[in-house]
């Protein structure tokens, strides 16, 4: 009788233990904070790629992860409050889009892990002090916003050989003035060697766009380069329309500008960065420390040209440049 009771008890434990383990597994739902300078209604391609990559890695919203969404809708001043909300919710990790969002998250917490994406200059903006060993609670993916500016100038000059004056459109403080000054130095060096005058124009918000483009027309600016900014990205349709209306050849940092009517873009694949950033979120939620994960940079870049826009502007894209383009939009 004793042996039978022991046997039955053992069977009971075997039945209960898996159920208990399964219940514990079901109960563990990670909470991801999502902080962005951009709008939540804008179908930002890196965001979709990031979410799809999370699903591919086994993170299913409502089953083992929930997402707390916070969007500043282009108003950087809202980011500190939104970051504080995520900290108050005690999320397991904060994922950020754009430099201002990363800075707001860093200032809000030193303990919750942070993964950033779409940051132009993590060193210059002070997000990290070392790319290989970021230390602390933050790491992520840069898109080399400063280093590619000279190449953008070269593509613009090749497209418009008669250029004598080029405008540089800046969203003050985004990225940091350290980064903007680095871009200016590189571009001024390239412009001087090509006998081109470079002039900076600031736009603090979309309300400044009309005035800035009118000023560029009065100053006889013949080409435009944009310094990467989430605010510009959020208003890419309008910027493309203004460039077309003022017949101003412009080169952008993101292919979506070209897909909405811009002339050309040169930069990394942002959706690819979104997919790669998801791998860091996955690793950290599974126990890795942000301080052990180096800040990553893209190694592949794409040149996209809209020949329809070129024709509208009265430009003929050099065949040599078309051959180098990764995509030509007709």
Protein backbone atom coordinates (compact mmCIF):
# COMPACT_ATOMS: atom_id res chain seq x y z
CA UNK A 1 0.00 0.00 0.00
CA UNK A 2 2.83 2.42 0.85
CA UNK A 3 4.55 1.75 -2.47
CA UNK A 4 1.26 2.35 -4.34
CA UNK A 5 0.70 5.69 -2.57
CA UNK A 6 4.26 6.74 -3.34
CA UNK A 7 3.72 5.80 -6.99
CA UNK A 8 0.43 7.76 -7.19
CA UNK A 9 2.01 10.78 -5.49
CA UNK A 10 4.85 10.62 -7.98
CA UNK A 11 2.39 10.58 -10.87
CA UNK A 12 0.69 13.61 -9.34
CA UNK A 13 3.96 15.53 -9.13
CA UNK A 14 4.78 14.65 -12.71
CA UNK A 15 1.42 16.01 -13.83
CA UNK A 16 1.57 19.16 -11.71
CA UNK A 17 5.18 20.13 -12.40
CA UNK A 18 4.88 20.60 -16.17
CA UNK A 19 1.65 22.54 -15.71
CA UNK A 20 3.30 24.80 -13.13
CA UNK A 21 6.33 25.35 -15.38
CA UNK A 22 4.07 26.04 -18.34
CA UNK A 23 2.02 28.52 -16.30
CA UNK A 24 5.20 30.31 -15.17
CA UNK A 25 6.40 30.48 -18.76
CA UNK A 26 3.06 31.91 -19.89
CA UNK A 27 3.14 34.42 -17.03
CA UNK A 28 6.48 35.95 -18.15
CA UNK A 29 5.55 38.76 -20.50
CA UNK A 30 8.32 41.27 -21.19
CA UNK A 31 7.38 44.93 -21.34
CA UNK A 32 9.06 46.94 -24.11
CA UNK A 33 8.98 50.72 -24.08
CA UNK A 34 9.04 52.31 -27.53
CA UNK A 35 10.10 55.97 -27.64
CA UNK A 36 10.19 58.02 -30.83
CA UNK A 37 10.48 61.62 -31.90
CA UNK A 38 8.38 60.74 -34.93
CA UNK A 39 4.66 60.30 -35.44
CA UNK A 40 2.92 57.02 -34.68
CA UNK A 41 0.71 57.38 -37.74
CA UNK A 42 3.65 57.64 -40.14
CA UNK A 43 4.52 54.22 -41.65
CA UNK A 44 8.22 54.65 -40.86
CA UNK A 45 9.91 51.71 -42.69
CA UNK A 46 12.57 50.94 -40.04
CA UNK A 47 9.78 50.57 -37.47
CA UNK A 48 7.93 47.97 -39.50
CA UNK A 49 11.15 46.07 -40.19
CA UNK A 50 12.02 46.17 -36.47
CA UNK A 51 8.65 44.76 -35.43
CA UNK A 52 8.74 42.03 -38.07
CA UNK A 53 12.25 41.04 -36.97
CA UNK A 54 11.03 40.76 -33.37
CA UNK A 55 8.25 38.42 -34.52
CA UNK A 56 10.77 36.38 -36.49
CA UNK A 57 12.84 36.06 -33.31
CA UNK A 58 9.82 34.68 -31.43
CA UNK A 59 8.54 37.81 -29.71
CA UNK A 60 4.77 37.91 -30.17
CA UNK A 61 2.87 40.90 -28.82
CA UNK A 62 0.26 39.78 -26.30
CA UNK A 63 1.93 36.41 -25.73
CA UNK A 64 5.46 37.05 -24.46
CA UNK A 65 5.86 40.80 -24.99
CA UNK A 66 3.80 43.96 -24.70
CA UNK A 67 4.77 47.31 -26.18
CA UNK A 68 4.22 50.68 -24.52
CA UNK A 69 4.16 53.19 -27.40
CA UNK A 70 5.26 56.80 -26.88
CA UNK A 71 5.43 59.21 -29.86
CA UNK A 72 6.45 62.87 -29.66
CA UNK A 73 4.96 63.68 -33.09
CA UNK A 74 7.99 65.74 -34.04
CA UNK A 75 8.03 67.81 -30.82
CA UNK A 76 11.37 67.06 -29.17
CA UNK A 77 10.38 68.93 -26.00
CA UNK A 78 7.84 66.17 -25.22
CA UNK A 79 10.44 63.40 -25.13
CA UNK A 80 11.68 63.79 -21.50
CA UNK A 81 8.11 63.46 -20.19
CA UNK A 82 7.41 60.44 -22.41
CA UNK A 83 10.67 58.79 -21.33
CA UNK A 84 9.77 59.39 -17.67
CA UNK A 85 6.43 57.66 -18.26
CA UNK A 86 8.19 54.54 -19.53
CA UNK A 87 10.54 54.53 -16.55
CA UNK A 88 7.55 54.88 -14.20
CA UNK A 89 5.96 51.85 -15.89
CA UNK A 90 9.13 49.87 -15.13
CA UNK A 91 9.46 48.52 -18.65
CA UNK A 92 12.10 45.84 -19.18
CA UNK A 93 13.79 47.71 -22.03
CA UNK A 94 13.42 51.02 -23.87
CA UNK A 95 13.85 51.08 -27.65
CA UNK A 96 14.34 54.51 -29.22
CA UNK A 97 14.10 56.02 -32.70
CA UNK A 98 16.29 59.07 -33.53
CA UNK A 99 18.97 60.91 -31.55
CA UNK A 100 16.67 63.11 -29.38
CA UNK A 101 14.72 60.05 -28.21
CA UNK A 102 17.92 58.22 -27.30
CA UNK A 103 19.18 61.21 -25.31
CA UNK A 104 15.85 61.56 -23.48
CA UNK A 105 15.87 57.87 -22.53
CA UNK A 106 19.48 58.06 -21.35
CA UNK A 107 18.69 61.05 -19.13
CA UNK A 108 15.61 59.30 -17.73
CA UNK A 109 17.27 56.09 -16.47
CA UNK A 110 20.64 54.56 -15.74
CA UNK A 111 19.27 51.11 -14.94
CA UNK A 112 16.70 50.13 -17.59
CA UNK A 113 18.45 48.80 -20.72
CA UNK A 114 18.20 51.07 -23.78
CA UNK A 115 18.65 50.13 -27.43
CA UNK A 116 18.75 53.03 -29.88
CA UNK A 117 18.27 53.09 -33.64
CA UNK A 118 18.59 55.77 -36.35
CA UNK A 119 21.16 57.81 -34.40
CA UNK A 120 23.48 59.90 -36.56
CA UNK A 121 26.47 60.32 -34.24
CA UNK A 122 26.38 58.44 -30.90
CA UNK A 123 29.80 59.79 -29.89
CA UNK A 124 29.33 63.42 -30.90
CA UNK A 125 25.89 63.60 -29.33
CA UNK A 126 27.18 62.15 -26.05
CA UNK A 127 24.96 59.07 -26.05
CA UNK A 128 28.01 56.83 -25.58
CA UNK A 129 31.68 57.56 -24.95
CA UNK A 130 33.02 54.49 -26.72
CA UNK A 131 31.56 52.55 -29.64
CA UNK A 132 33.31 49.25 -28.94
CA UNK A 133 32.55 49.36 -25.21
CA UNK A 134 29.54 51.62 -24.70
CA UNK A 135 29.32 50.82 -20.98
CA UNK A 136 26.31 51.68 -18.85
CA UNK A 137 22.81 50.69 -19.90
CA UNK A 138 22.72 51.87 -23.53
CA UNK A 139 23.80 50.58 -26.94
CA UNK A 140 22.39 50.38 -30.44
CA UNK A 141 22.81 51.22 -34.11
CA UNK A 142 24.21 54.32 -35.78
CA UNK A 143 23.64 55.30 -39.40
CA UNK A 144 26.78 57.44 -39.95
CA UNK A 145 24.95 60.71 -40.44
CA UNK A 146 28.09 62.85 -40.44
CA UNK A 147 30.50 60.68 -42.37
CA UNK A 148 28.30 60.45 -45.49
CA UNK A 149 27.76 64.18 -46.02
CA UNK A 150 30.84 64.66 -48.21
CA UNK A 151 29.70 61.83 -50.47
CA UNK A 152 26.27 63.44 -50.78
CA UNK A 153 27.93 66.68 -51.84
CA UNK A 154 29.93 64.83 -54.49
CA UNK A 155 26.81 63.19 -55.92
CA UNK A 156 24.98 66.54 -55.99
CA UNK A 157 27.91 68.29 -57.72
CA UNK A 158 28.15 65.49 -60.27
CA UNK A 159 24.43 65.88 -61.01
CA UNK A 160 24.63 69.68 -61.25
CA UNK A 161 28.18 70.48 -62.48
CA UNK A 162 27.38 74.22 -62.64
CA UNK A 163 26.72 74.46 -58.89
CA UNK A 164 28.20 77.52 -57.23
CA UNK A 165 26.08 77.81 -54.08
CA UNK A 166 24.83 74.92 -51.93
CA UNK A 167 22.49 75.17 -48.96
CA UNK A 168 22.77 72.97 -45.88
CA UNK A 169 19.42 72.52 -44.11
CA UNK A 170 19.83 71.99 -40.36
CA UNK A 171 17.39 71.20 -37.57
CA UNK A 172 19.23 73.01 -34.71
CA UNK A 173 20.34 70.60 -32.02
CA UNK A 174 19.42 67.52 -34.10
CA UNK A 175 21.91 66.00 -34.25
CA UNK A 176 24.14 67.80 -31.77
CA UNK A 177 26.00 70.96 -32.73
CA UNK A 178 29.21 68.93 -32.40
CA UNK A 179 27.96 66.67 -35.20
CA UNK A 180 26.64 69.57 -37.29
CA UNK A 181 29.99 71.37 -36.99
CA UNK A 182 31.78 68.19 -38.07
CA UNK A 183 29.50 67.98 -41.12
CA UNK A 184 30.12 71.64 -41.90
CA UNK A 185 33.90 71.21 -41.76
CA UNK A 186 33.78 68.23 -44.12
CA UNK A 187 31.44 69.96 -46.54
CA UNK A 188 33.32 73.25 -46.47
CA UNK A 189 36.51 71.42 -47.34
CA UNK A 190 34.80 69.64 -50.25
CA UNK A 191 33.01 72.81 -51.38
CA UNK A 192 36.18 74.90 -51.33
CA UNK A 193 38.04 72.43 -53.53
CA UNK A 194 35.12 72.59 -55.99
CA UNK A 195 34.79 76.40 -55.84
CA UNK A 196 31.33 76.10 -54.31
CA UNK A 197 29.98 78.40 -51.59
CA UNK A 198 28.25 76.58 -48.72
CA UNK A 199 25.56 78.29 -46.63
CA UNK A 200 23.73 76.99 -43.56
CA UNK A 201 19.96 77.39 -43.11
CA UNK A 202 18.16 76.48 -39.86
CA UNK A 203 14.60 75.13 -39.56
CA UNK A 204 13.41 74.54 -36.00
CA UNK A 205 10.09 73.13 -37.15
CA UNK A 206 7.84 72.73 -40.21
CA UNK A 207 6.57 76.26 -39.65
CA UNK A 208 9.99 77.49 -40.83
CA UNK A 209 10.09 75.57 -44.12
CA UNK A 210 8.39 78.13 -46.36
CA UNK A 211 10.55 80.98 -45.10
CA UNK A 212 13.76 78.98 -45.42
CA UNK A 213 13.06 77.96 -49.02
CA UNK A 214 12.11 81.54 -49.92
CA UNK A 215 15.40 82.74 -48.44
CA UNK A 216 17.32 80.11 -50.40
CA UNK A 217 15.69 81.34 -53.61
CA UNK A 218 16.67 84.94 -52.83
CA UNK A 219 20.23 83.80 -52.04
CA UNK A 220 20.33 81.97 -55.40
CA UNK A 221 21.09 78.60 -53.78
CA UNK A 222 21.52 76.02 -56.53
CA UNK A 223 21.50 72.77 -54.56
CA UNK A 224 20.47 71.47 -51.14
CA UNK A 225 21.84 68.93 -48.65
CA UNK A 226 19.85 67.96 -45.56
CA UNK A 227 21.50 67.13 -42.26
CA UNK A 228 19.73 64.00 -40.93
CA UNK A 229 16.85 64.79 -38.58
CA UNK A 230 13.75 62.93 -37.52
CA UNK A 231 11.73 66.13 -37.95
CA UNK A 232 12.78 66.35 -41.61
CA UNK A 233 11.90 62.70 -42.01
CA UNK A 234 8.44 63.23 -40.56
CA UNK A 235 7.83 65.99 -43.12
CA UNK A 236 9.59 64.43 -46.12
CA UNK A 237 6.56 64.84 -48.40
CA UNK A 238 6.40 68.58 -47.82
CA UNK A 239 10.15 69.06 -48.13
CA UNK A 240 10.13 67.22 -51.43
CA UNK A 241 7.27 69.37 -52.68
CA UNK A 242 9.04 72.58 -51.65
CA UNK A 243 12.25 71.50 -53.35
CA UNK A 244 10.28 70.76 -56.54
CA UNK A 245 8.31 74.02 -56.37
CA UNK A 246 11.49 76.08 -55.99
CA UNK A 247 13.27 73.91 -58.61
CA UNK A 248 16.02 73.15 -56.10
CA UNK A 249 18.00 69.93 -56.64
CA UNK A 250 18.31 68.23 -53.26
CA UNK A 251 19.99 65.10 -51.94
CA UNK A 252 18.48 63.41 -48.91
CA UNK A 253 19.67 60.90 -46.31
CA UNK A 254 16.78 58.45 -46.64
CA UNK A 255 15.32 56.72 -49.72
CA UNK A 256 11.73 57.44 -48.68
CA UNK A 257 12.35 61.11 -49.56
CA UNK A 258 13.00 59.98 -53.14
CA UNK A 259 9.99 57.67 -53.20
CA UNK A 260 7.79 60.67 -52.33
CA UNK A 261 9.29 62.83 -55.11
CA UNK A 262 12.76 63.90 -53.96
CA UNK A 263 15.63 63.93 -56.45
CA UNK A 264 18.13 61.54 -54.86
CA UNK A 265 19.28 60.01 -51.59
CA UNK A 266 22.41 58.35 -50.29
CA UNK A 267 22.63 56.42 -47.06
CA UNK A 268 22.25 53.06 -45.37
CA UNK A 269 19.14 50.92 -45.63
CA UNK A 270 17.07 52.04 -42.65
CA UNK A 271 14.82 48.95 -42.69
CA UNK A 272 17.98 46.84 -42.47
CA UNK A 273 19.06 48.85 -39.41
CA UNK A 274 15.64 48.23 -37.88
CA UNK A 275 15.99 44.48 -38.38
CA UNK A 276 19.46 44.46 -36.90
CA UNK A 277 18.44 46.56 -33.91
CA UNK A 278 15.82 43.92 -33.08
CA UNK A 279 18.60 41.39 -32.54
CA UNK A 280 19.98 43.55 -29.71
CA UNK A 281 16.56 43.80 -28.09
CA UNK A 282 16.27 40.02 -28.32
CA UNK A 283 19.69 39.42 -26.77
CA UNK A 284 19.17 41.86 -23.91
CA UNK A 285 15.73 40.49 -23.04
CA UNK A 286 17.38 37.07 -22.90
CA UNK A 287 20.03 38.25 -20.45
CA UNK A 288 22.80 40.08 -22.33
CA UNK A 289 24.09 43.36 -20.91
CA UNK A 290 24.01 46.52 -23.08
CA UNK A 291 27.53 47.39 -21.93
CA UNK A 292 28.81 44.19 -23.58
CA UNK A 293 27.21 44.92 -26.97
CA UNK A 294 29.23 47.33 -29.16
CA UNK A 295 27.48 50.14 -31.01
CA UNK A 296 27.08 48.95 -34.58
CA UNK A 297 27.43 50.92 -37.80
CA UNK A 298 26.20 50.13 -41.32
CA UNK A 299 28.63 48.85 -43.92
CA UNK A 300 26.40 48.96 -47.01
CA UNK A 301 24.89 52.09 -48.54
CA UNK A 302 22.45 52.78 -51.35
CA UNK A 303 22.15 55.54 -53.91
CA UNK A 304 18.56 56.09 -55.11
CA UNK A 305 17.71 58.47 -57.98
CA UNK A 306 14.33 59.70 -59.19
CA UNK A 307 14.78 60.44 -62.91
CA UNK A 308 11.21 61.72 -63.22
CA UNK A 309 12.02 64.44 -60.67
CA UNK A 310 15.28 65.14 -62.51
CA UNK A 311 13.35 65.77 -65.74
CA UNK A 312 10.94 68.06 -63.89
CA UNK A 313 13.93 70.06 -62.65
CA UNK A 314 15.44 70.14 -66.12
CA UNK A 315 18.38 67.95 -65.13
CA UNK A 316 20.04 65.12 -66.99
CA UNK A 317 21.52 62.54 -64.63
CA UNK A 318 25.01 61.55 -65.87
CA UNK A 319 25.06 57.95 -67.19
CA UNK A 320 28.03 57.19 -64.93
CA UNK A 321 25.92 58.11 -61.89
CA UNK A 322 22.94 56.08 -63.09
CA UNK A 323 25.21 53.05 -63.41
CA UNK A 324 26.30 53.45 -59.78
CA UNK A 325 22.74 53.87 -58.49
CA UNK A 326 21.28 51.01 -56.50
CA UNK A 327 17.81 51.97 -57.65
CA UNK A 328 16.52 54.32 -60.34
CA UNK A 329 12.90 55.40 -60.00
CA UNK A 330 11.19 56.17 -63.29
